[in-house]
């Protein structure tokens, strides 16, 4: 077998492909987690107050997220600090949960992508 045989690099190509797939799966998992938290995981659930088409929610207390299209940073700040009648979720949600919710709401509403 020559030093430049393509079969020598097959395991590296396979590992790179698996890493790329794992990264894509992790992002998808975060969005699914954010949606679950929005619908029923947070207490009180975001869906009780907010309308968000992707989540199938029709809340009437908070703003319609499909209309205001918040970016992820705006959602993170609201979740951490509360906003108007919305309570802070800083003590009841982990930082990873806040991140997942912020990314989900931003993407589902058409807001600016998360940084």
PDB file of N, CA and C in Angstrom:
ATOM      1  N   UNK A   1       0.852  -1.177   0.000  1.00  0.00           N
ATOM      2  CA  UNK A   1       0.000   0.000   0.000  1.00  0.00           C
ATOM      3  C   UNK A   1       0.892   1.233   0.000  1.00  0.00           C
ATOM      4  N   UNK A   2       0.633   2.175  -0.890  1.00  0.00           N
ATOM      5  CA  UNK A   2       1.464   3.370  -0.967  1.00  0.00           C
ATOM      6  C   UNK A   2       1.144   4.304   0.197  1.00  0.00           C
ATOM      7  N   UNK A   3       2.048   5.229   0.448  1.00  0.00           N
ATOM      8  CA  UNK A   3       1.870   6.188   1.546  1.00  0.00           C
ATOM      9  C   UNK A   3       0.686   7.113   1.301  1.00  0.00           C
ATOM     10  N   UNK A   4       0.253   7.244   0.065  1.00  0.00           N
ATOM     11  CA  UNK A   4      -0.842   8.157  -0.277  1.00  0.00           C
ATOM     12  C   UNK A   4      -2.121   7.417  -0.634  1.00  0.00           C
ATOM     13  N   UNK A   5      -2.284   6.244  -0.127  1.00  0.00           N
ATOM     14  CA  UNK A   5      -3.473   5.445  -0.415  1.00  0.00           C
ATOM     15  C   UNK A   5      -4.710   6.102   0.184  1.00  0.00           C
ATOM     16  N   UNK A   6      -5.790   6.271  -0.621  1.00  0.00           N
ATOM     17  CA  UNK A   6      -7.026   6.875  -0.100  1.00  0.00           C
ATOM     18  C   UNK A   6      -7.626   6.088   1.051  1.00  0.00           C
ATOM     19  N   UNK A   7      -7.402   4.792   1.090  1.00  0.00           N
ATOM     20  CA  UNK A   7      -7.987   3.986   2.169  1.00  0.00           C
ATOM     21  C   UNK A   7      -7.348   4.289   3.516  1.00  0.00           C
ATOM     22  N   UNK A   8      -6.145   4.846   3.511  1.00  0.00           N
ATOM     23  CA  UNK A   8      -5.508   5.227   4.780  1.00  0.00           C
ATOM     24  C   UNK A   8      -6.273   6.355   5.458  1.00  0.00           C
ATOM     25  N   UNK A   9      -6.939   7.189   4.668  1.00  0.00           N
ATOM     26  CA  UNK A   9      -7.616   8.361   5.213  1.00  0.00           C
ATOM     27  C   UNK A   9      -9.104   8.125   5.464  1.00  0.00           C
ATOM     28  N   UNK A  10      -9.598   6.969   5.118  1.00  0.00           N
ATOM     29  CA  UNK A  10     -11.022   6.670   5.313  1.00  0.00           C
ATOM     30  C   UNK A  10     -11.455   6.804   6.770  1.00  0.00           C
ATOM     31  N   UNK A  11     -10.683   6.274   7.739  1.00  0.00           N
ATOM     32  CA  UNK A  11     -11.106   6.443   9.141  1.00  0.00           C
ATOM     33  C   UNK A  11     -11.184   7.911   9.566  1.00  0.00           C
ATOM     34  N   UNK A  12     -10.273   8.737   9.066  1.00  0.00           N
ATOM     35  CA  UNK A  12     -10.309  10.165   9.404  1.00  0.00           C
ATOM     36  C   UNK A  12     -11.543  10.833   8.797  1.00  0.00           C
ATOM     37  N   UNK A  13     -11.865  10.464   7.569  1.00  0.00           N
ATOM     38  CA  UNK A  13     -13.051  11.022   6.924  1.00  0.00           C
ATOM     39  C   UNK A  13     -14.314  10.605   7.672  1.00  0.00           C
ATOM     40  N   UNK A  14     -14.351   9.358   8.107  1.00  0.00           N
ATOM     41  CA  UNK A  14     -15.495   8.864   8.869  1.00  0.00           C
ATOM     42  C   UNK A  14     -15.632   9.624  10.185  1.00  0.00           C
ATOM     43  N   UNK A  15     -14.529   9.829  10.889  1.00  0.00           N
ATOM     44  CA  UNK A  15     -14.564  10.569  12.158  1.00  0.00           C
ATOM     45  C   UNK A  15     -15.031  12.000  11.942  1.00  0.00           C
ATOM     46  N   UNK A  16     -14.546  12.642  10.870  1.00  0.00           N
ATOM     47  CA  UNK A  16     -14.958  14.019  10.584  1.00  0.00           C
ATOM     48  C   UNK A  16     -16.453  14.074  10.293  1.00  0.00           C
ATOM     49  N   UNK A  17     -16.951  13.103   9.542  1.00  0.00           N
ATOM     50  CA  UNK A  17     -18.380  13.053   9.247  1.00  0.00           C
ATOM     51  C   UNK A  17     -19.216  12.850  10.490  1.00  0.00           C
ATOM     52  N   UNK A  18     -18.756  11.980  11.372  1.00  0.00           N
ATOM     53  CA  UNK A  18     -19.484  11.737  12.623  1.00  0.00           C
ATOM     54  C   UNK A  18     -19.494  12.976  13.500  1.00  0.00           C
ATOM     55  N   UNK A  19     -18.377  13.682  13.558  1.00  0.00           N
ATOM     56  CA  UNK A  19     -18.314  14.922  14.345  1.00  0.00           C
ATOM     57  C   UNK A  19     -19.269  15.968  13.792  1.00  0.00           C
ATOM     58  N   UNK A  20     -19.316  16.110  12.480  1.00  0.00           N
ATOM     59  CA  UNK A  20     -20.237  17.076  11.860  1.00  0.00           C
ATOM     60  C   UNK A  20     -21.683  16.695  12.154  1.00  0.00           C
ATOM     61  N   UNK A  21     -22.007  15.419  12.063  1.00  0.00           N
ATOM     62  CA  UNK A  21     -23.373  14.963  12.343  1.00  0.00           C
ATOM     63  C   UNK A  21     -23.726  15.190  13.802  1.00  0.00           C
ATOM     64  N   UNK A  22     -22.782  14.940  14.697  1.00  0.00           N
ATOM     65  CA  UNK A  22     -23.031  15.136  16.126  1.00  0.00           C
ATOM     66  C   UNK A  22     -23.284  16.610  16.426  1.00  0.00           C
ATOM     67  N   UNK A  23     -22.529  17.501  15.793  1.00  0.00           N
ATOM     68  CA  UNK A  23     -22.717  18.931  15.994  1.00  0.00           C
ATOM     69  C   UNK A  23     -24.091  19.366  15.505  1.00  0.00           C
ATOM     70  N   UNK A  24     -24.506  18.899  14.343  1.00  0.00           N
ATOM     71  CA  UNK A  24     -25.837  19.242  13.821  1.00  0.00           C
ATOM     72  C   UNK A  24     -26.919  18.693  14.734  1.00  0.00           C
ATOM     73  N   UNK A  25     -26.736  17.479  15.246  1.00  0.00           N
ATOM     74  CA  UNK A  25     -27.716  16.870  16.143  1.00  0.00           C
ATOM     75  C   UNK A  25     -27.817  17.666  17.437  1.00  0.00           C
ATOM     76  N   UNK A  26     -26.674  18.144  17.959  1.00  0.00           N
ATOM     77  CA  UNK A  26     -26.684  18.915  19.206  1.00  0.00           C
ATOM     78  C   UNK A  26     -27.494  20.196  19.042  1.00  0.00           C
ATOM     79  N   UNK A  27     -27.340  20.892  17.908  1.00  0.00           N
ATOM     80  CA  UNK A  27     -28.097  22.119  17.672  1.00  0.00           C
ATOM     81  C   UNK A  27     -29.586  21.802  17.564  1.00  0.00           C
ATOM     82  N   UNK A  28     -29.920  20.733  16.892  1.00  0.00           N
ATOM     83  CA  UNK A  28     -31.320  20.335  16.765  1.00  0.00           C
ATOM     84  C   UNK A  28     -31.884  19.980  18.136  1.00  0.00           C
ATOM     85  N   UNK A  29     -31.138  19.310  18.941  1.00  0.00           N
ATOM     86  CA  UNK A  29     -31.570  18.927  20.276  1.00  0.00           C
ATOM     87  C   UNK A  29     -31.820  20.164  21.140  1.00  0.00           C
ATOM     88  N   UNK A  30     -30.981  21.179  21.003  1.00  0.00           N
ATOM     89  CA  UNK A  30     -31.170  22.405  21.778  1.00  0.00           C
ATOM     90  C   UNK A  30     -32.482  23.091  21.395  1.00  0.00           C
ATOM     91  N   UNK A  31     -32.785  23.123  20.094  1.00  0.00           N
ATOM     92  CA  UNK A  31     -34.033  23.744  19.651  1.00  0.00           C
ATOM     93  C   UNK A  31     -35.245  22.948  20.119  1.00  0.00           C
ATOM     94  N   UNK A  32     -35.147  21.641  20.068  1.00  0.00           N
ATOM     95  CA  UNK A  32     -36.249  20.807  20.570  1.00  0.00           C
ATOM     96  C   UNK A  32     -36.435  21.017  22.062  1.00  0.00           C
ATOM     97  N   UNK A  33     -35.331  21.117  22.781  1.00  0.00           N
ATOM     98  CA  UNK A  33     -35.393  21.374  24.228  1.00  0.00           C
ATOM     99  C   UNK A  33     -36.038  22.728  24.494  1.00  0.00           C
ATOM    100  N   UNK A  34     -35.658  23.734  23.715  1.00  0.00           N
ATOM    101  CA  UNK A  34     -36.247  25.059  23.872  1.00  0.00           C
ATOM    102  C   UNK A  34     -37.748  25.042  23.633  1.00  0.00           C
ATOM    103  N   UNK A  35     -38.178  24.303  22.626  1.00  0.00           N
ATOM    104  CA  UNK A  35     -39.616  24.207  22.335  1.00  0.00           C
ATOM    105  C   UNK A  35     -40.349  23.511  23.474  1.00  0.00           C
ATOM    106  N   UNK A  36     -39.780  22.435  23.989  1.00  0.00           N
ATOM    107  CA  UNK A  36     -40.404  21.720  25.108  1.00  0.00           C
ATOM    108  C   UNK A  36     -40.514  22.630  26.318  1.00  0.00           C
ATOM    109  N   UNK A  37     -39.458  23.372  26.614  1.00  0.00           N
ATOM    110  CA  UNK A  37     -39.487  24.297  27.747  1.00  0.00           C
ATOM    111  C   UNK A  37     -40.536  25.387  27.531  1.00  0.00           C
ATOM    112  N   UNK A  38     -40.653  25.881  26.317  1.00  0.00           N
ATOM    113  CA  UNK A  38     -41.631  26.923  26.008  1.00  0.00           C
ATOM    114  C   UNK A  38     -43.050  26.425  26.245  1.00  0.00           C
ATOM    115  N   UNK A  39     -43.320  25.205  25.797  1.00  0.00           N
ATOM    116  CA  UNK A  39     -44.680  24.666  25.873  1.00  0.00           C
ATOM    117  C   UNK A  39     -45.055  24.217  27.277  1.00  0.00           C
ATOM    118  N   UNK A  40     -44.138  23.544  27.965  1.00  0.00           N
ATOM    119  CA  UNK A  40     -44.530  22.990  29.264  1.00  0.00           C
ATOM    120  C   UNK A  40     -43.436  22.925  30.316  1.00  0.00           C
ATOM    121  N   UNK A  41     -42.190  23.168  29.960  1.00  0.00           N
ATOM    122  CA  UNK A  41     -41.094  22.960  30.910  1.00  0.00           C
ATOM    123  C   UNK A  41     -40.858  24.079  31.894  1.00  0.00           C
ATOM    124  N   UNK A  42     -41.040  25.296  31.460  1.00  0.00           N
ATOM    125  CA  UNK A  42     -40.854  26.432  32.366  1.00  0.00           C
ATOM    126  C   UNK A  42     -42.104  26.564  33.229  1.00  0.00           C
ATOM    127  N   UNK A  43     -41.927  27.087  34.437  1.00  0.00           N
ATOM    128  CA  UNK A  43     -43.065  27.276  35.338  1.00  0.00           C
ATOM    129  C   UNK A  43     -43.093  28.745  35.758  1.00  0.00           C
ATOM    130  N   UNK A  44     -44.112  29.495  35.326  1.00  0.00           N
ATOM    131  CA  UNK A  44     -45.214  29.104  34.455  1.00  0.00           C
ATOM    132  C   UNK A  44     -44.717  28.927  33.014  1.00  0.00           C
ATOM    133  N   UNK A  45     -45.424  28.119  32.261  1.00  0.00           N
ATOM    134  CA  UNK A  45     -45.046  27.851  30.868  1.00  0.00           C
ATOM    135  C   UNK A  45     -45.187  29.120  30.030  1.00  0.00           C
ATOM    136  N   UNK A  46     -44.221  29.356  29.167  1.00  0.00           N
ATOM    137  CA  UNK A  46     -44.244  30.529  28.287  1.00  0.00           C
ATOM    138  C   UNK A  46     -45.503  30.540  27.424  1.00  0.00           C
ATOM    139  N   UNK A  47     -45.934  29.347  27.006  1.00  0.00           N
ATOM    140  CA  UNK A  47     -47.093  29.212  26.119  1.00  0.00           C
ATOM    141  C   UNK A  47     -48.397  29.680  26.760  1.00  0.00           C
ATOM    142  N   UNK A  48     -48.430  29.763  28.073  1.00  0.00           N
ATOM    143  CA  UNK A  48     -49.644  30.246  28.741  1.00  0.00           C
ATOM    144  C   UNK A  48     -49.882  31.724  28.455  1.00  0.00           C
ATOM    145  N   UNK A  49     -48.806  32.478  28.297  1.00  0.00           N
ATOM    146  CA  UNK A  49     -48.927  33.923  28.122  1.00  0.00           C
ATOM    147  C   UNK A  49     -48.632  34.412  26.708  1.00  0.00           C
ATOM    148  N   UNK A  50     -47.748  33.708  25.997  1.00  0.00           N
ATOM    149  CA  UNK A  50     -47.286  34.187  24.696  1.00  0.00           C
ATOM    150  C   UNK A  50     -47.862  33.399  23.537  1.00  0.00           C
ATOM    151  N   UNK A  51     -48.144  34.098  22.456  1.00  0.00           N
ATOM    152  CA  UNK A  51     -48.523  33.455  21.203  1.00  0.00           C
ATOM    153  C   UNK A  51     -47.258  33.228  20.401  1.00  0.00           C
ATOM    154  N   UNK A  52     -47.077  31.986  19.945  1.00  0.00           N
ATOM    155  CA  UNK A  52     -45.965  31.624  19.078  1.00  0.00           C
ATOM    156  C   UNK A  52     -46.465  30.502  18.183  1.00  0.00           C
ATOM    157  N   UNK A  53     -46.618  30.802  16.929  1.00  0.00           N
ATOM    158  CA  UNK A  53     -47.215  29.866  15.963  1.00  0.00           C
ATOM    159  C   UNK A  53     -46.526  28.503  15.981  1.00  0.00           C
ATOM    160  N   UNK A  54     -45.201  28.474  15.950  1.00  0.00           N
ATOM    161  CA  UNK A  54     -44.463  27.216  15.899  1.00  0.00           C
ATOM    162  C   UNK A  54     -44.774  26.311  17.084  1.00  0.00           C
ATOM    163  N   UNK A  55     -45.058  26.895  18.231  1.00  0.00           N
ATOM    164  CA  UNK A  55     -45.366  26.126  19.435  1.00  0.00           C
ATOM    165  C   UNK A  55     -46.852  25.815  19.557  1.00  0.00           C
ATOM    166  N   UNK A  56     -47.666  26.391  18.680  1.00  0.00           N
ATOM    167  CA  UNK A  56     -49.107  26.174  18.747  1.00  0.00           C
ATOM    168  C   UNK A  56     -49.746  26.874  19.934  1.00  0.00           C
ATOM    169  N   UNK A  57     -49.097  27.920  20.433  1.00  0.00           N
ATOM    170  CA  UNK A  57     -49.625  28.619  21.617  1.00  0.00           C
ATOM    171  C   UNK A  57     -50.368  29.891  21.221  1.00  0.00           C
ATOM    172  N   UNK A  58     -51.382  30.209  22.009  1.00  0.00           N
ATOM    173  CA  UNK A  58     -52.201  31.394  21.769  1.00  0.00           C
ATOM    174  C   UNK A  58     -52.431  32.146  23.073  1.00  0.00           C
ATOM    175  N   UNK A  59     -51.342  32.483  23.753  1.00  0.00           N
ATOM    176  CA  UNK A  59     -51.456  33.231  24.995  1.00  0.00           C
ATOM    177  C   UNK A  59     -51.981  34.624  24.751  1.00  0.00           C
ATOM    178  N   UNK A  60     -52.594  35.202  25.773  1.00  0.00           N
ATOM    179  CA  UNK A  60     -53.185  36.532  25.591  1.00  0.00           C
ATOM    180  C   UNK A  60     -52.645  37.563  26.575  1.00  0.00           C
ATOM    181  N   UNK A  61     -51.664  37.197  27.380  1.00  0.00           N
ATOM    182  CA  UNK A  61     -51.132  38.139  28.372  1.00  0.00           C
ATOM    183  C   UNK A  61     -49.882  38.836  27.855  1.00  0.00           C
ATOM    184  N   UNK A  62     -48.919  38.050  27.374  1.00  0.00           N
ATOM    185  CA  UNK A  62     -47.658  38.609  26.898  1.00  0.00           C
ATOM    186  C   UNK A  62     -47.734  38.977  25.432  1.00  0.00           C
ATOM    187  N   UNK A  63     -46.672  39.608  24.928  1.00  0.00           N
ATOM    188  CA  UNK A  63     -46.670  39.997  23.518  1.00  0.00           C
ATOM    189  C   UNK A  63     -46.679  38.784  22.582  1.00  0.00           C
ATOM    190  N   UNK A  64     -47.187  38.992  21.383  1.00  0.00           N
ATOM    191  CA  UNK A  64     -47.185  37.959  20.347  1.00  0.00           C
ATOM    192  C   UNK A  64     -45.762  37.906  19.790  1.00  0.00           C
ATOM    193  N   UNK A  65     -45.082  36.805  20.055  1.00  0.00           N
ATOM    194  CA  UNK A  65     -43.676  36.698  19.689  1.00  0.00           C
ATOM    195  C   UNK A  65     -43.472  36.664  18.178  1.00  0.00           C
ATOM    196  N   UNK A  66     -44.437  36.151  17.446  1.00  0.00           N
ATOM    197  CA  UNK A  66     -44.339  36.149  15.979  1.00  0.00           C
ATOM    198  C   UNK A  66     -44.352  37.570  15.415  1.00  0.00           C
ATOM    199  N   UNK A  67     -44.912  38.505  16.141  1.00  0.00           N
ATOM    200  CA  UNK A  67     -44.958  39.894  15.687  1.00  0.00           C
ATOM    201  C   UNK A  67     -43.708  40.675  16.088  1.00  0.00           C
ATOM    202  N   UNK A  68     -43.222  40.469  17.309  1.00  0.00           N
ATOM    203  CA  UNK A  68     -42.069  41.264  17.758  1.00  0.00           C
ATOM    204  C   UNK A  68     -40.737  40.650  17.332  1.00  0.00           C
ATOM    205  N   UNK A  69     -40.722  39.368  16.991  1.00  0.00           N
ATOM    206  CA  UNK A  69     -39.532  38.679  16.481  1.00  0.00           C
ATOM    207  C   UNK A  69     -38.271  39.014  17.295  1.00  0.00           C
ATOM    208  N   UNK A  70     -38.264  38.677  18.575  1.00  0.00           N
ATOM    209  CA  UNK A  70     -37.112  39.047  19.404  1.00  0.00           C
ATOM    210  C   UNK A  70     -35.863  38.255  19.035  1.00  0.00           C
ATOM    211  N   UNK A  71     -34.697  38.903  19.137  1.00  0.00           N
ATOM    212  CA  UNK A  71     -33.468  38.148  18.938  1.00  0.00           C
ATOM    213  C   UNK A  71     -33.165  37.384  20.230  1.00  0.00           C
ATOM    214  N   UNK A  72     -32.238  36.463  20.163  1.00  0.00           N
ATOM    215  CA  UNK A  72     -31.955  35.580  21.303  1.00  0.00           C
ATOM    216  C   UNK A  72     -31.491  36.352  22.539  1.00  0.00           C
ATOM    217  N   UNK A  73     -30.719  37.411  22.349  1.00  0.00           N
ATOM    218  CA  UNK A  73     -30.238  38.178  23.498  1.00  0.00           C
ATOM    219  C   UNK A  73     -31.396  38.854  24.230  1.00  0.00           C
ATOM    220  N   UNK A  74     -32.348  39.371  23.511  1.00  0.00           N
ATOM    221  CA  UNK A  74     -33.524  40.003  24.125  1.00  0.00           C
ATOM    222  C   UNK A  74     -34.313  38.975  24.943  1.00  0.00           C
ATOM    223  N   UNK A  75     -34.460  37.763  24.413  1.00  0.00           N
ATOM    224  CA  UNK A  75     -35.175  36.702  25.135  1.00  0.00           C
ATOM    225  C   UNK A  75     -34.395  36.296  26.380  1.00  0.00           C
ATOM    226  N   UNK A  76     -33.072  36.151  26.252  1.00  0.00           N
ATOM    227  CA  UNK A  76     -32.238  35.793  27.421  1.00  0.00           C
ATOM    228  C   UNK A  76     -32.401  36.817  28.535  1.00  0.00           C
ATOM    229  N   UNK A  77     -32.344  38.100  28.189  1.00  0.00           N
ATOM    230  CA  UNK A  77     -32.477  39.162  29.202  1.00  0.00           C
ATOM    231  C   UNK A  77     -33.842  39.090  29.884  1.00  0.00           C
ATOM    232  N   UNK A  78     -34.898  38.893  29.103  1.00  0.00           N
ATOM    233  CA  UNK A  78     -36.247  38.811  29.674  1.00  0.00           C
ATOM    234  C   UNK A  78     -36.365  37.594  30.589  1.00  0.00           C
ATOM    235  N   UNK A  79     -35.793  36.471  30.185  1.00  0.00           N
ATOM    236  CA  UNK A  79     -35.856  35.267  31.019  1.00  0.00           C
ATOM    237  C   UNK A  79     -35.068  35.442  32.320  1.00  0.00           C
ATOM    238  N   UNK A  80     -33.916  36.066  32.236  1.00  0.00           N
ATOM    239  CA  UNK A  80     -33.076  36.250  33.437  1.00  0.00           C
ATOM    240  C   UNK A  80     -33.641  37.298  34.393  1.00  0.00           C
ATOM    241  N   UNK A  81     -34.119  38.410  33.852  1.00  0.00           N
ATOM    242  CA  UNK A  81     -34.499  39.557  34.680  1.00  0.00           C
ATOM    243  C   UNK A  81     -35.994  39.752  34.863  1.00  0.00           C
ATOM    244  N   UNK A  82     -36.803  39.079  34.059  1.00  0.00           N
ATOM    245  CA  UNK A  82     -38.232  39.370  34.046  1.00  0.00           C
ATOM    246  C   UNK A  82     -38.462  40.626  33.225  1.00  0.00           C
ATOM    247  N   UNK A  83     -39.714  40.863  32.847  1.00  0.00           N
ATOM    248  CA  UNK A  83     -40.023  42.036  32.037  1.00  0.00           C
ATOM    249  C   UNK A  83     -41.515  42.316  32.168  1.00  0.00           C
ATOM    250  N   UNK A  84     -41.874  43.469  32.711  1.00  0.00           N
ATOM    251  CA  UNK A  84     -43.283  43.790  32.943  1.00  0.00           C
ATOM    252  C   UNK A  84     -43.904  42.765  33.876  1.00  0.00           C
ATOM    253  N   UNK A  85     -44.989  42.130  33.446  1.00  0.00           N
ATOM    254  CA  UNK A  85     -45.658  41.111  34.270  1.00  0.00           C
ATOM    255  C   UNK A  85     -44.938  39.769  34.240  1.00  0.00           C
ATOM    256  N   UNK A  86     -43.978  39.610  33.333  1.00  0.00           N
ATOM    257  CA  UNK A  86     -43.248  38.345  33.212  1.00  0.00           C
ATOM    258  C   UNK A  86     -42.241  38.206  34.348  1.00  0.00           C
ATOM    259  N   UNK A  87     -42.286  37.071  35.061  1.00  0.00           N
ATOM    260  CA  UNK A  87     -41.333  36.878  36.155  1.00  0.00           C
ATOM    261  C   UNK A  87     -39.946  36.507  35.639  1.00  0.00           C
ATOM    262  N   UNK A  88     -38.948  36.634  36.485  1.00  0.00           N
ATOM    263  CA  UNK A  88     -37.606  36.150  36.173  1.00  0.00           C
ATOM    264  C   UNK A  88     -37.596  34.630  36.300  1.00  0.00           C
ATOM    265  N   UNK A  89     -36.896  33.978  35.398  1.00  0.00           N
ATOM    266  CA  UNK A  89     -36.735  32.528  35.456  1.00  0.00           C
ATOM    267  C   UNK A  89     -35.315  32.150  35.867  1.00  0.00           C
ATOM    268  N   UNK A  90     -34.540  33.129  36.347  1.00  0.00           N
ATOM    269  CA  UNK A  90     -33.137  32.908  36.686  1.00  0.00           C
ATOM    270  C   UNK A  90     -32.943  31.839  37.749  1.00  0.00           C
ATOM    271  N   UNK A  91     -33.862  31.718  38.687  1.00  0.00           N
ATOM    272  CA  UNK A  91     -33.716  30.724  39.760  1.00  0.00           C
ATOM    273  C   UNK A  91     -34.351  29.390  39.413  1.00  0.00           C
ATOM    274  N   UNK A  92     -35.268  29.373  38.448  1.00  0.00           N
ATOM    275  CA  UNK A  92     -35.967  28.117  38.147  1.00  0.00           C
ATOM    276  C   UNK A  92     -35.461  27.416  36.885  1.00  0.00           C
ATOM    277  N   UNK A  93     -34.694  28.118  36.051  1.00  0.00           N
ATOM    278  CA  UNK A  93     -34.135  27.512  34.838  1.00  0.00           C
ATOM    279  C   UNK A  93     -32.614  27.593  34.877  1.00  0.00           C
ATOM    280  N   UNK A  94     -31.964  26.573  34.385  1.00  0.00           N
ATOM    281  CA  UNK A  94     -30.503  26.597  34.289  1.00  0.00           C
ATOM    282  C   UNK A  94     -30.094  27.537  33.168  1.00  0.00           C
ATOM    283  N   UNK A  95     -28.833  27.882  33.139  1.00  0.00           N
ATOM    284  CA  UNK A  95     -28.325  28.740  32.074  1.00  0.00           C
ATOM    285  C   UNK A  95     -28.474  28.042  30.714  1.00  0.00           C
ATOM    286  N   UNK A  96     -28.297  26.726  30.678  1.00  0.00           N
ATOM    287  CA  UNK A  96     -28.482  25.965  29.433  1.00  0.00           C
ATOM    288  C   UNK A  96     -29.947  25.996  28.986  1.00  0.00           C
ATOM    289  N   UNK A  97     -30.878  25.936  29.937  1.00  0.00           N
ATOM    290  CA  UNK A  97     -32.296  26.029  29.601  1.00  0.00           C
ATOM    291  C   UNK A  97     -32.637  27.413  29.051  1.00  0.00           C
ATOM    292  N   UNK A  98     -32.108  28.440  29.666  1.00  0.00           N
ATOM    293  CA  UNK A  98     -32.340  29.813  29.203  1.00  0.00           C
ATOM    294  C   UNK A  98     -31.793  29.977  27.784  1.00  0.00           C
ATOM    295  N   UNK A  99     -30.611  29.435  27.547  1.00  0.00           N
ATOM    296  CA  UNK A  99     -30.006  29.505  26.211  1.00  0.00           C
ATOM    297  C   UNK A  99     -30.875  28.775  25.185  1.00  0.00           C
ATOM    298  N   UNK A 100     -31.339  27.579  25.534  1.00  0.00           N
ATOM    299  CA  UNK A 100     -32.171  26.788  24.613  1.00  0.00           C
ATOM    300  C   UNK A 100     -33.480  27.511  24.307  1.00  0.00           C
ATOM    301  N   UNK A 101     -34.113  28.051  25.318  1.00  0.00           N
ATOM    302  CA  UNK A 101     -35.359  28.802  25.126  1.00  0.00           C
ATOM    303  C   UNK A 101     -35.135  30.030  24.250  1.00  0.00           C
ATOM    304  N   UNK A 102     -34.068  30.757  24.520  1.00  0.00           N
ATOM    305  CA  UNK A 102     -33.775  31.977  23.756  1.00  0.00           C
ATOM    306  C   UNK A 102     -33.534  31.656  22.289  1.00  0.00           C
ATOM    307  N   UNK A 103     -32.770  30.626  22.023  1.00  0.00           N
ATOM    308  CA  UNK A 103     -32.502  30.241  20.627  1.00  0.00           C
ATOM    309  C   UNK A 103     -33.782  29.773  19.942  1.00  0.00           C
ATOM    310  N   UNK A 104     -34.576  28.986  20.653  1.00  0.00           N
ATOM    311  CA  UNK A 104     -35.817  28.489  20.065  1.00  0.00           C
ATOM    312  C   UNK A 104     -36.764  29.643  19.727  1.00  0.00           C
ATOM    313  N   UNK A 105     -37.032  30.519  20.694  1.00  0.00           N
ATOM    314  CA  UNK A 105     -37.981  31.619  20.468  1.00  0.00           C
ATOM    315  C   UNK A 105     -37.474  32.526  19.339  1.00  0.00           C
ATOM    316  N   UNK A 106     -36.178  32.813  19.332  1.00  0.00           N
ATOM    317  CA  UNK A 106     -35.616  33.658  18.284  1.00  0.00           C
ATOM    318  C   UNK A 106     -35.814  33.020  16.913  1.00  0.00           C
ATOM    319  N   UNK A 107     -35.465  31.759  16.791  1.00  0.00           N
ATOM    320  CA  UNK A 107     -35.585  31.087  15.489  1.00  0.00           C
ATOM    321  C   UNK A 107     -37.044  30.896  15.096  1.00  0.00           C
ATOM    322  N   UNK A 108     -37.871  30.442  16.016  1.00  0.00           N
ATOM    323  CA  UNK A 108     -39.273  30.143  15.696  1.00  0.00           C
ATOM    324  C   UNK A 108     -40.066  31.400  15.334  1.00  0.00           C
ATOM    325  N   UNK A 109     -39.702  32.540  15.899  1.00  0.00           N
ATOM    326  CA  UNK A 109     -40.429  33.785  15.624  1.00  0.00           C
ATOM    327  C   UNK A 109     -39.879  34.538  14.418  1.00  0.00           C
ATOM    328  N   UNK A 110     -38.727  34.117  13.941  1.00  0.00           N
ATOM    329  CA  UNK A 110     -38.103  34.817  12.822  1.00  0.00           C
ATOM    330  C   UNK A 110     -37.224  35.964  13.268  1.00  0.00           C
ATOM    331  N   UNK A 111     -36.826  35.951  14.545  1.00  0.00           N
ATOM    332  CA  UNK A 111     -35.932  36.983  15.071  1.00  0.00           C
ATOM    333  C   UNK A 111     -34.513  36.778  14.561  1.00  0.00           C
ATOM    334  N   UNK A 112     -33.648  37.679  14.932  1.00  0.00           N
ATOM    335  CA  UNK A 112     -32.245  37.588  14.513  1.00  0.00           C
ATOM    336  C   UNK A 112     -31.620  36.324  15.074  1.00  0.00           C
ATOM    337  N   UNK A 113     -30.743  35.684  14.318  1.00  0.00           N
ATOM    338  CA  UNK A 113     -30.103  34.457  14.804  1.00  0.00           C
ATOM    339  C   UNK A 113     -29.288  34.717  16.066  1.00  0.00           C
ATOM    340  N   UNK A 114     -29.192  33.687  16.891  1.00  0.00           N
ATOM    341  CA  UNK A 114     -28.417  33.791  18.130  1.00  0.00           C
ATOM    342  C   UNK A 114     -26.940  33.863  17.813  1.00  0.00           C
ATOM    343  N   UNK A 115     -26.227  34.572  18.634  1.00  0.00           N
ATOM    344  CA  UNK A 115     -24.760  34.652  18.482  1.00  0.00           C
ATOM    345  C   UNK A 115     -24.108  33.659  19.383  1.00  0.00           C
TER     346      UNK A 115
END
